[in-house]
Amino acid sequence: MATPPRMILPETTYMVTRRTSERRFFLKPNKKINHIIHYTLAWAASKHSIQLHEYMFEFNHYHIVLTDMKGSLPAFMRDFNSMVSRAIAHHHGFNWPIWGTDSYNAVALITKEALRDAIVYTLTNPVKDRLVRSSKQWIGSNSLKYEYQHPIPIKKPKAFFSKKLPEIATLQIEAPFNNNLNDLRSTIRREVALKEQEINEEKPGVLGLALLLKQAITDSPFTKRVLFKLKPTIKAKNPWLMLEAIQRKKVFQTQYFEALRRMQNSEEKVCFPIGTYGFVNLGIVALMS
């Protein structure tokens, strides 16, 4: 069965996740790794009109909550993941890609409640994974310490990066909701603290940074990865909105595969449904009106 196409629409908010190859600790943080991630994230987001809301990088995976303003999520993910992989490989002195063979997972966040849940999940991820007791203790790249709408200039790392790239990339964390910015940031941090307290009460023990930092970048967790697990692509608290989004996705996929069949049969004037990315981005096909 053919792989279902992604429906890429502008002004869609997602939580995106990517894991390293064999879950190895290629993202193990230090000042240079964090610098690479922050610069590349700022550069790629600016290039592709991506609004960054929150992000968290652990040793072997990351979560980013973002809004794709112009329907360019695949290009953003391609450029960001490729640049980070090559820069980190250069830093460590090897020449193989750091990411797993699976593509990134992108979950469309349909409702404000789903967005808020994704933000809290992202920012409490090191606590959920029992690495630290508070995300404030986490030394990997993350957005918790930054204020909304405050531009942060990030200098280009000295090694590896092309002269064609800007010397300064501006990292800015955009507010996910239209609230008073200071109140909203305080509210998000309070919800993160409450979730951390809940997790710590359920599972008191943590590994701690001292033990974590002794791990080699080629190490991986002792826990087994769950294979063939279903990966959601839509999340909404409201069941009716969820059903509506699922139905839109089914209609898109039906129209897409019908258009693909017609194109493969060399029919003329084949139009793909709105949300088609690859063929349209390459200028091969047109979209339905």
Foldseek 3Di string as FASTA:
>chain_A
DDDFDFQFDAFWKKKKKFWWAVNFQLCDDDPVSQLQLQQLLLQLCVVQVKAWAKKDDDRTMIITIIGRHHRCVVVSQVSSQVSSQCVSCVVVVHDDGTTHPDDMAIATEQDPVSSLVSLLCRQCVCLLVQADLHSVPDPGDICLVDFAPDWDWRADDPPDDDPPGDRTGIDGHHHPDPDDRVVSSVVSVVSSVVVSVVSCVVPVHGPYPVNVVVDDSRDHDPDDDDPPDDRHRYDYPDVVSVVVVVVVSVVLSVQQVVLVVCVVVVHPQRAHENSDDDCVVVVNHHHDD
